[in-house]
């Protein structure tokens, strides 16, 4: 389909066409109104001039009667300074001028005066030195004794002016309609370009190029805002695809070792007889590997369920300190058994909107890591405080330890699934704990930050938006 056909088929162009027609009709009505007003004003101006000329003649008629009026008319008709005026005094017995005036224009005003527009040819025989067939504007005044005083003005120049005004009106309407169509076509072309950009990007993504994005200009218009939203969605989809690929690779790698160990044990058990103690050890090791595999799948399912947003249904507003008190009571015993110092502090009246179960799972993972990596006689700190900022009140929960910590360049990486630091390879775990923590914080609109505790790690979870401080 050609670009021109695409433009014609766009809703924007069709809507522009409708607006062009409506606007042209409105403009035509407005311009025709201006034309009629101008025509009326010009006619009224001519009528005032005719009235003035008639009044001058009537003043002389009062002084010198019909004879003096005839002398004035003869002088006026020959006077060079009045080429556009026509004067005549005609007795009704010779010609009844009223019959030349159309019925719809015949209106007797005060002093028996009537304005009308008639052809000059109707009275040309009674007017000296005049010829032609153009229309003239006349003021007919009926005088005593059957006399009729007619004062007229030629309308040739006036009509020419009105004709030019009418032509200009038609040209203006045509220009307005044409410009409306052109502007509509340009707008439609711009819309088609924006749609083509989205279509091209979609085609490239369908072909497998997930990195392709919709171009964004600096105009910050509707298409730019739509492009930014779609590009953000595409970035998210690409991250999810890459994350899925990475998870698949890591899952295959992490499951291979325990499955290989189970297979090796089964082959060994098939080829030799075992004592009761060996069989018991065999069962415990196999069950342990299977439990690790199940734990990995359960963690993945938990993260997937959290990221899907289904857990939002179980959110409620509750006092955070109550949950933290219970966790502190539990982990204080765990820390003591490992020979660690425990420090806990939580402010009162910290209210948060969220899922108790998921938040408990979040803090449990952080506390497990803190206790796991803290050296003997180390300190594990668990605190919750209210903080104020320009964005509003927030709640900060921190978990600190004196362990090896996490290098700054690894802070973002440890939140990915199955990612483990080299120093943690020898410890138990599947690299999904902090991924679950990240999923829960995102679900609650919270932030997670890692800082150096000098020595050790300080993990800070900041709740905002849905959090409130009383």
Protein backbone atom coordinates (compact mmCIF):
# COMPACT_ATOMS: atom_id res chain seq x y z
CA UNK A 1 0.00 0.00 0.00
CA UNK A 2 1.40 3.40 -0.99
CA UNK A 3 2.03 6.16 1.53
CA UNK A 4 -0.76 8.22 -0.07
CA UNK A 5 -3.26 5.38 0.36
CA UNK A 6 -2.14 4.92 3.96
CA UNK A 7 -2.69 8.62 4.63
CA UNK A 8 -6.18 8.51 3.08
CA UNK A 9 -7.08 5.48 5.19
CA UNK A 10 -6.01 7.03 8.50
CA UNK A 11 -8.63 8.16 10.98
CA UNK A 12 -6.68 11.39 11.49
CA UNK A 13 -7.03 12.37 7.82
CA UNK A 14 -10.71 11.48 7.73
CA UNK A 15 -11.32 13.43 10.90
CA UNK A 16 -9.33 16.35 9.46
CA UNK A 17 -11.47 16.18 6.33
CA UNK A 18 -14.66 16.39 8.40
CA UNK A 19 -13.25 19.32 10.38
CA UNK A 20 -12.12 20.98 7.12
CA UNK A 21 -15.66 20.81 5.73
CA UNK A 22 -17.20 22.06 8.97
CA UNK A 23 -14.64 24.84 9.37
CA UNK A 24 -15.07 25.87 5.73
CA UNK A 25 -18.85 26.05 6.17
CA UNK A 26 -18.43 28.14 9.31
CA UNK A 27 -15.89 30.37 7.56
CA UNK A 28 -18.21 30.68 4.55
CA UNK A 29 -21.10 31.71 6.78
CA UNK A 30 -18.89 34.24 8.58
CA UNK A 31 -17.45 35.71 5.37
CA UNK A 32 -20.88 35.87 3.71
CA UNK A 33 -22.17 37.65 6.78
CA UNK A 34 -19.33 40.15 6.43
CA UNK A 35 -20.26 40.56 2.77
CA UNK A 36 -23.94 41.21 3.59
CA UNK A 37 -23.00 43.65 6.35
CA UNK A 38 -20.67 45.51 3.95
CA UNK A 39 -23.40 45.57 1.29
CA UNK A 40 -25.91 46.94 3.80
CA UNK A 41 -23.48 49.57 5.12
CA UNK A 42 -22.62 50.76 1.61
CA UNK A 43 -26.33 50.97 0.73
CA UNK A 44 -27.06 52.91 3.92
CA UNK A 45 -24.20 55.28 3.17
CA UNK A 46 -25.56 55.92 -0.33
CA UNK A 47 -29.05 56.44 1.12
CA UNK A 48 -27.69 59.05 3.54
CA UNK A 49 -26.00 60.88 0.67
CA UNK A 50 -29.23 60.74 -1.37
CA UNK A 51 -31.16 62.08 1.61
CA UNK A 52 -28.70 64.94 2.00
CA UNK A 53 -28.95 65.90 -1.71
CA UNK A 54 -32.75 65.68 -1.58
CA UNK A 55 -32.95 67.86 1.54
CA UNK A 56 -30.84 70.54 -0.15
CA UNK A 57 -33.20 70.59 -3.14
CA UNK A 58 -36.28 70.61 -0.89
CA UNK A 59 -34.97 73.66 0.99
CA UNK A 60 -34.77 75.55 -2.31
CA UNK A 61 -38.21 74.17 -3.27
CA UNK A 62 -39.68 75.78 -0.16
CA UNK A 63 -38.29 79.16 -1.23
CA UNK A 64 -38.79 79.16 -5.01
CA UNK A 65 -41.39 76.43 -5.59
CA UNK A 66 -41.30 74.21 -8.70
CA UNK A 67 -39.60 76.77 -10.93
CA UNK A 68 -36.64 77.18 -8.61
CA UNK A 69 -36.41 73.40 -8.13
CA UNK A 70 -36.22 72.84 -11.91
CA UNK A 71 -33.44 75.42 -12.24
CA UNK A 72 -31.42 73.69 -9.49
CA UNK A 73 -31.90 70.27 -11.09
CA UNK A 74 -30.71 71.52 -14.47
CA UNK A 75 -27.64 73.06 -12.86
CA UNK A 76 -26.86 69.90 -10.85
CA UNK A 77 -27.19 67.61 -13.88
CA UNK A 78 -24.67 69.72 -15.80
CA UNK A 79 -22.29 70.29 -12.92
CA UNK A 80 -18.98 68.42 -13.36
CA UNK A 81 -18.48 67.90 -9.62
CA UNK A 82 -21.51 65.59 -9.40
CA UNK A 83 -20.95 62.92 -12.09
CA UNK A 84 -22.42 60.09 -9.98
CA UNK A 85 -25.71 61.80 -9.14
CA UNK A 86 -28.91 61.89 -11.19
CA UNK A 87 -31.65 64.47 -10.65
CA UNK A 88 -35.15 64.61 -12.15
CA UNK A 89 -38.52 66.36 -11.48
CA UNK A 90 -41.31 64.55 -13.28
CA UNK A 91 -45.07 65.09 -13.15
CA UNK A 92 -47.12 62.01 -12.50
CA UNK A 93 -49.15 62.69 -15.65
CA UNK A 94 -46.05 62.11 -17.79
CA UNK A 95 -44.66 59.15 -15.88
CA UNK A 96 -45.63 57.47 -12.66
CA UNK A 97 -42.25 56.55 -11.18
CA UNK A 98 -43.82 54.37 -8.53
CA UNK A 99 -44.55 51.69 -11.13
CA UNK A 100 -40.80 51.20 -11.68
CA UNK A 101 -40.22 50.47 -8.03
CA UNK A 102 -40.60 46.75 -7.14
CA UNK A 103 -43.42 46.02 -4.72
CA UNK A 104 -41.04 44.43 -2.20
CA UNK A 105 -38.93 47.61 -2.23
CA UNK A 106 -41.77 50.13 -2.15
CA UNK A 107 -41.95 51.61 1.31
CA UNK A 108 -43.37 55.05 1.92
CA UNK A 109 -41.35 56.78 4.63
CA UNK A 110 -41.93 60.10 6.32
CA UNK A 111 -42.47 62.97 3.94
CA UNK A 112 -43.50 60.50 1.22
CA UNK A 113 -39.94 59.37 0.53
CA UNK A 114 -39.08 55.95 -0.90
CA UNK A 115 -35.63 54.33 -1.47
CA UNK A 116 -35.21 51.80 -4.25
CA UNK A 117 -32.72 50.29 -6.70
CA UNK A 118 -33.95 50.39 -10.34
CA UNK A 119 -32.41 50.13 -13.83
CA UNK A 120 -31.33 53.46 -15.32
CA UNK A 121 -32.98 52.49 -18.64
CA UNK A 122 -36.43 52.84 -17.03
CA UNK A 123 -36.06 56.60 -16.60
CA UNK A 124 -33.30 57.46 -19.09
CA UNK A 125 -35.67 59.42 -21.31
CA UNK A 126 -36.34 61.87 -18.49
CA UNK A 127 -32.74 62.48 -17.45
CA UNK A 128 -30.49 64.78 -19.46
CA UNK A 129 -27.07 63.59 -20.67
CA UNK A 130 -27.40 60.12 -19.15
CA UNK A 131 -27.21 56.75 -20.84
CA UNK A 132 -26.64 53.14 -19.88
CA UNK A 133 -28.46 50.18 -18.40
CA UNK A 134 -26.74 49.89 -15.03
CA UNK A 135 -28.69 49.82 -11.76
CA UNK A 136 -29.03 53.05 -9.82
CA UNK A 137 -30.04 53.75 -6.26
CA UNK A 138 -32.86 56.37 -6.11
CA UNK A 139 -34.76 58.35 -3.51
CA UNK A 140 -38.25 59.21 -4.73
CA UNK A 141 -40.04 62.09 -2.99
CA UNK A 142 -43.70 62.85 -3.76
CA UNK A 143 -44.44 66.63 -3.89
CA UNK A 144 -47.74 68.48 -3.90
CA UNK A 145 -49.39 68.95 -7.30
CA UNK A 146 -48.44 65.53 -8.60
CA UNK A 147 -44.72 66.26 -8.94
CA UNK A 148 -42.11 63.59 -8.21
CA UNK A 149 -38.58 64.50 -7.16
CA UNK A 150 -36.04 61.78 -7.96
CA UNK A 151 -32.45 61.88 -6.78
CA UNK A 152 -30.29 58.88 -7.78
CA UNK A 153 -26.71 57.66 -7.55
CA UNK A 154 -24.93 55.30 -9.90
CA UNK A 155 -23.97 51.93 -8.32
CA UNK A 156 -21.39 50.86 -10.90
CA UNK A 157 -18.36 51.46 -8.71
CA UNK A 158 -20.16 50.25 -5.60
CA UNK A 159 -21.26 47.07 -7.37
CA UNK A 160 -17.73 46.54 -8.66
CA UNK A 161 -16.44 46.82 -5.07
CA UNK A 162 -19.04 44.35 -3.84
CA UNK A 163 -18.21 41.94 -6.69
CA UNK A 164 -14.55 42.07 -5.73
CA UNK A 165 -15.45 41.47 -2.09
CA UNK A 166 -17.59 38.47 -3.07
CA UNK A 167 -14.76 37.02 -5.18
CA UNK A 168 -12.35 37.54 -2.29
CA UNK A 169 -14.81 35.73 -0.02
CA UNK A 170 -14.95 32.71 -2.36
CA UNK A 171 -11.15 32.69 -2.69
CA UNK A 172 -10.74 32.85 1.11
CA UNK A 173 -13.16 29.94 1.58
CA UNK A 174 -11.29 27.90 -1.04
CA UNK A 175 -7.93 28.68 0.58
CA UNK A 176 -9.25 27.73 4.04
CA UNK A 177 -10.61 24.43 2.73
CA UNK A 178 -7.41 23.67 0.80
CA UNK A 179 -5.17 24.50 3.77
CA UNK A 180 -7.34 22.35 6.03
CA UNK A 181 -6.91 19.40 3.68
CA UNK A 182 -3.14 19.97 3.43
CA UNK A 183 -2.75 20.30 7.21
CA UNK A 184 -4.86 17.17 7.70
CA UNK A 185 -2.68 15.27 5.23
CA UNK A 186 0.50 16.43 6.99
CA UNK A 187 -0.90 15.41 10.37
CA UNK A 188 -1.95 12.04 8.97
CA UNK A 189 1.50 11.59 7.44
CA UNK A 190 3.09 12.25 10.82
CA UNK A 191 0.76 9.72 12.44
CA UNK A 192 1.60 7.15 9.75
CA UNK A 193 5.32 7.68 10.41
CA UNK A 194 4.80 7.06 14.12
CA UNK A 195 2.74 3.94 13.44
CA UNK A 196 5.31 2.70 10.91
CA UNK A 197 8.04 3.09 13.53
CA UNK A 198 6.06 0.92 15.96
CA UNK A 199 5.28 -1.60 13.20
CA UNK A 200 8.91 -1.84 12.09
CA UNK A 201 10.05 -2.38 15.67
CA UNK A 202 7.41 -5.07 16.18
CA UNK A 203 8.50 -6.82 12.95
CA UNK A 204 12.15 -6.81 14.04
CA UNK A 205 11.24 -8.22 17.45
CA UNK A 206 9.11 -10.92 15.82
CA UNK A 207 12.13 -11.86 13.71
CA UNK A 208 14.17 -12.32 16.89
CA UNK A 209 15.93 -8.98 17.38
CA UNK A 210 14.86 -8.24 20.95
CA UNK A 211 17.23 -5.26 21.18
CA UNK A 212 15.33 -3.18 18.61
CA UNK A 213 13.54 -0.14 20.04
CA UNK A 214 11.09 2.50 18.80
CA UNK A 215 12.84 5.80 17.91
CA UNK A 216 12.07 8.67 20.31
CA UNK A 217 12.31 12.31 19.25
CA UNK A 218 12.84 15.40 21.40
CA UNK A 219 9.30 16.74 20.81
CA UNK A 220 7.85 14.98 23.87
CA UNK A 221 4.52 14.48 22.12
CA UNK A 222 2.00 11.63 22.46
CA UNK A 223 4.02 9.33 20.20
CA UNK A 224 7.19 9.97 22.21
CA UNK A 225 5.43 9.16 25.47
CA UNK A 226 3.91 6.04 23.92
CA UNK A 227 7.31 5.06 22.52
CA UNK A 228 8.94 5.48 25.93
CA UNK A 229 6.28 3.30 27.54
CA UNK A 230 6.59 0.63 24.85
CA UNK A 231 10.39 0.75 25.01
CA UNK A 232 10.24 0.29 28.78
CA UNK A 233 7.98 -2.70 28.25
CA UNK A 234 10.36 -4.10 25.64
CA UNK A 235 13.31 -3.57 27.99
CA UNK A 236 11.43 -5.44 30.68
CA UNK A 237 10.57 -8.26 28.27
CA UNK A 238 14.17 -8.50 27.10
CA UNK A 239 15.40 -8.62 30.69
CA UNK A 240 12.87 -11.35 31.45
CA UNK A 241 13.94 -13.36 28.39
CA UNK A 242 17.61 -13.01 29.30
CA UNK A 243 16.82 -13.83 32.93
CA UNK A 244 14.86 -16.89 31.84
CA UNK A 245 17.74 -18.03 29.66
CA UNK A 246 20.19 -17.45 32.50
CA UNK A 247 17.91 -19.23 34.98
CA UNK A 248 17.59 -22.19 32.61
CA UNK A 249 21.35 -22.41 32.21
CA UNK A 250 22.02 -22.03 35.93
CA UNK A 251 19.25 -24.44 36.86
CA UNK A 252 20.65 -27.07 34.53
CA UNK A 253 24.12 -26.52 36.00
CA UNK A 254 22.97 -26.61 39.64
CA UNK A 255 20.78 -29.68 39.19
CA UNK A 256 23.39 -31.62 37.29
CA UNK A 257 25.68 -32.10 40.29
CA UNK A 258 23.13 -33.51 42.78
CA UNK A 259 21.52 -35.66 40.09
CA UNK A 260 24.93 -37.01 39.08
CA UNK A 261 25.70 -37.79 42.70
CA UNK A 262 22.39 -39.63 43.13
CA UNK A 263 22.99 -41.61 39.94
CA UNK A 264 26.52 -42.48 41.02
CA UNK A 265 25.28 -43.74 44.40
CA UNK A 266 22.55 -45.82 42.79
CA UNK A 267 25.05 -47.43 40.42
CA UNK A 268 27.40 -48.16 43.34
CA UNK A 269 24.55 -49.68 45.38
CA UNK A 270 23.59 -51.91 42.46
CA UNK A 271 27.11 -53.29 42.04
CA UNK A 272 27.88 -54.05 45.70
CA UNK A 273 26.17 -55.07 48.86
CA UNK A 274 25.99 -52.53 51.73
CA UNK A 275 26.00 -52.90 55.46
CA UNK A 276 23.22 -51.33 57.50
CA UNK A 277 25.37 -48.31 58.38
CA UNK A 278 26.38 -47.83 54.72
CA UNK A 279 22.75 -48.12 53.60
CA UNK A 280 21.69 -45.55 56.21
CA UNK A 281 24.40 -43.13 55.03
CA UNK A 282 23.39 -43.82 51.42
CA UNK A 283 19.76 -42.95 52.18
CA UNK A 284 20.64 -39.77 54.10
CA UNK A 285 22.95 -38.48 51.35
CA UNK A 286 20.43 -39.25 48.63
CA UNK A 287 17.56 -37.67 50.54
CA UNK A 288 19.75 -34.61 51.22
CA UNK A 289 20.49 -34.14 47.50
CA UNK A 290 16.82 -34.60 46.61
CA UNK A 291 15.83 -32.08 49.31
CA UNK A 292 18.28 -29.57 47.77
CA UNK A 293 16.68 -30.07 44.36
CA UNK A 294 13.18 -29.66 45.81
CA UNK A 295 14.32 -26.57 47.75
CA UNK A 296 15.63 -25.03 44.54
CA UNK A 297 12.35 -25.63 42.73
CA UNK A 298 10.33 -24.31 45.67
CA UNK A 299 12.42 -21.13 45.73
CA UNK A 300 11.93 -20.64 42.00
CA UNK A 301 8.19 -21.17 42.33
CA UNK A 302 8.02 -18.70 45.22
CA UNK A 303 9.89 -16.04 43.23
CA UNK A 304 7.69 -16.63 40.17
CA UNK A 305 4.53 -16.37 42.25
CA UNK A 306 5.72 -13.14 43.89
CA UNK A 307 6.74 -11.56 40.57
CA UNK A 308 3.39 -12.49 39.02
CA UNK A 309 1.67 -10.13 41.48
CA UNK A 310 -0.81 -12.70 42.79
CA UNK A 311 0.42 -12.07 46.35
CA UNK A 312 -0.98 -8.52 46.23
CA UNK A 313 -4.38 -9.94 47.17
CA UNK A 314 -3.12 -10.88 50.65
CA UNK A 315 -1.85 -7.44 51.58
CA UNK A 316 -3.01 -5.73 54.73
CA UNK A 317 -2.01 -2.85 56.96
CA UNK A 318 -0.28 -3.94 60.15
CA UNK A 319 2.24 -2.91 62.79
CA UNK A 320 5.68 -3.89 61.53
CA UNK A 321 7.20 -3.98 65.02
CA UNK A 322 5.04 -6.97 66.01
CA UNK A 323 6.49 -9.04 63.16
CA UNK A 324 10.05 -7.89 63.87
CA UNK A 325 9.72 -8.69 67.58
CA UNK A 326 8.80 -12.30 66.75
CA UNK A 327 11.72 -12.65 64.34
CA UNK A 328 14.14 -11.10 66.85
CA UNK A 329 13.06 -13.52 69.55
CA UNK A 330 13.70 -16.47 67.23
CA UNK A 331 17.02 -15.36 65.76
CA UNK A 332 18.47 -14.14 69.03
CA UNK A 333 18.54 -17.81 70.10
CA UNK A 334 20.05 -18.90 66.77
CA UNK A 335 22.77 -16.25 67.03
CA UNK A 336 23.53 -17.21 70.62
CA UNK A 337 23.95 -20.87 69.66
CA UNK A 338 26.51 -19.87 67.06
CA UNK A 339 28.40 -17.66 69.51
CA UNK A 340 27.28 -14.34 68.00
CA UNK A 341 26.21 -11.13 69.65
CA UNK A 342 22.67 -9.97 68.92
CA UNK A 343 21.43 -6.38 68.75
CA UNK A 344 17.78 -5.49 68.11
CA UNK A 345 15.91 -2.18 68.07
CA UNK A 346 12.56 -1.25 66.51
CA UNK A 347 10.58 1.97 66.95
CA UNK A 348 6.91 1.83 67.88
CA UNK A 349 3.98 2.71 65.61
CA UNK A 350 5.59 1.70 62.31
CA UNK A 351 2.68 0.85 60.05
CA UNK A 352 3.21 -0.81 56.67
CA UNK A 353 0.87 -2.10 53.98
CA UNK A 354 1.93 -5.55 52.76
CA UNK A 355 1.95 -9.30 53.18
CA UNK A 356 3.10 -10.49 56.61
CA UNK A 357 4.15 -13.86 55.23
CA UNK A 358 6.29 -12.43 52.42
CA UNK A 359 7.88 -9.78 54.61
CA UNK A 360 8.70 -12.43 57.20
CA UNK A 361 10.33 -14.46 54.41
CA UNK A 362 12.30 -11.39 53.29
CA UNK A 363 13.75 -10.64 56.74
CA UNK A 364 14.33 -14.35 57.42
CA UNK A 365 16.55 -14.65 54.34
CA UNK A 366 18.53 -11.56 55.32
CA UNK A 367 18.97 -12.75 58.90
CA UNK A 368 19.96 -16.26 57.76
CA UNK A 369 22.69 -14.78 55.56
CA UNK A 370 23.90 -12.45 58.32
CA UNK A 371 24.24 -15.32 60.83
CA UNK A 372 25.69 -17.71 58.23
CA UNK A 373 28.54 -15.42 57.19
CA UNK A 374 29.32 -13.77 60.56
CA UNK A 375 32.51 -14.97 62.28
CA UNK A 376 32.54 -16.23 65.89
CA UNK A 377 31.94 -13.42 68.42
CA UNK A 378 30.63 -11.28 65.57
CA UNK A 379 27.72 -8.86 65.90
CA UNK A 380 24.39 -9.19 64.07
CA UNK A 381 22.22 -6.06 64.22
CA UNK A 382 18.52 -5.90 63.37
CA UNK A 383 16.88 -2.41 63.45
CA UNK A 384 13.77 -0.59 62.21
CA UNK A 385 13.43 3.20 62.29
CA UNK A 386 11.23 5.92 60.83
CA UNK A 387 12.89 8.37 58.45
CA UNK A 388 11.64 11.56 56.84
CA UNK A 389 12.41 12.82 53.35
CA UNK A 390 11.07 15.21 50.74
CA UNK A 391 9.10 12.31 49.24
CA UNK A 392 7.30 11.68 52.54
CA UNK A 393 7.64 9.44 55.56
CA UNK A 394 9.43 6.10 55.15
CA UNK A 395 10.43 3.05 57.17
CA UNK A 396 13.98 1.68 57.07
CA UNK A 397 14.76 -1.86 58.24
CA UNK A 398 18.47 -2.80 58.40
CA UNK A 399 20.31 -6.09 58.91
CA UNK A 400 24.05 -5.76 59.63
CA UNK A 401 26.84 -8.30 60.24
CA UNK A 402 30.65 -8.50 60.55
CA UNK A 403 31.16 -11.08 57.81
CA UNK A 404 33.20 -10.79 54.58
CA UNK A 405 30.62 -8.46 53.01
CA UNK A 406 29.87 -7.99 49.32
CA UNK A 407 32.13 -5.93 46.99
CA UNK A 408 30.42 -2.80 45.62
CA UNK A 409 30.68 -4.03 42.02
CA UNK A 410 28.75 -7.18 42.99
CA UNK A 411 25.78 -5.44 44.65
CA UNK A 412 23.51 -5.65 41.60
CA UNK A 413 24.67 -9.10 40.55
CA UNK A 414 23.88 -10.85 43.85
CA UNK A 415 20.20 -10.03 43.31
CA UNK A 416 20.10 -12.20 40.20
CA UNK A 417 18.97 -15.80 40.40
CA UNK A 418 21.61 -18.47 41.08
CA UNK A 419 24.36 -15.86 41.36
CA UNK A 420 26.87 -16.70 44.11
CA UNK A 421 30.09 -14.99 45.14
CA UNK A 422 33.30 -16.98 44.87
CA UNK A 423 33.69 -16.80 48.65
CA UNK A 424 30.25 -18.41 49.09
CA UNK A 425 30.74 -21.38 46.76
CA UNK A 426 31.73 -23.65 49.63
CA UNK A 427 28.66 -22.82 51.74
CA UNK A 428 25.22 -24.31 51.48
CA UNK A 429 22.66 -22.53 49.33
CA UNK A 430 21.35 -22.22 45.80
CA UNK A 431 21.85 -18.51 45.07
CA UNK A 432 18.12 -17.72 45.20
CA UNK A 433 17.77 -16.13 48.65
CA UNK A 434 18.54 -12.55 47.65
CA UNK A 435 16.56 -12.99 44.42
CA UNK A 436 13.52 -13.74 46.55
CA UNK A 437 14.32 -10.71 48.75
CA UNK A 438 14.41 -8.52 45.61
CA UNK A 439 11.09 -9.92 44.38
CA UNK A 440 9.39 -9.17 47.73
CA UNK A 441 10.81 -5.62 47.93
CA UNK A 442 9.63 -4.90 44.37
CA UNK A 443 6.18 -6.25 45.17
CA UNK A 444 5.92 -3.85 48.13
CA UNK A 445 7.30 -0.86 46.23
CA UNK A 446 10.35 -0.85 48.50
CA UNK A 447 14.06 -0.32 47.88
CA UNK A 448 17.02 -2.49 48.87
CA UNK A 449 20.54 -1.12 49.35
CA UNK A 450 23.87 -2.76 50.25
CA UNK A 451 26.50 -0.82 52.20
CA UNK A 452 29.87 -1.58 53.73
CA UNK A 453 29.57 -2.14 57.50
CA UNK A 454 33.33 -1.84 58.14
CA UNK A 455 33.69 -4.79 58.36
CA UNK A 456 30.77 -6.80 57.02
CA UNK A 457 27.60 -5.95 55.17
CA UNK A 458 24.73 -3.65 55.97
CA UNK A 459 21.48 -4.40 54.07
CA UNK A 460 18.85 -1.65 54.14
CA UNK A 461 15.22 -2.14 53.04
CA UNK A 462 13.27 1.12 52.71
CA UNK A 463 9.50 1.05 52.41
CA UNK A 464 7.81 3.97 50.67
CA UNK A 465 4.51 4.82 49.08
CA UNK A 466 2.40 2.23 50.88
CA UNK A 467 4.21 2.83 54.18
CA UNK A 468 2.99 5.28 56.80
CA UNK A 469 4.40 6.50 60.07
CA UNK A 470 2.11 7.35 62.96
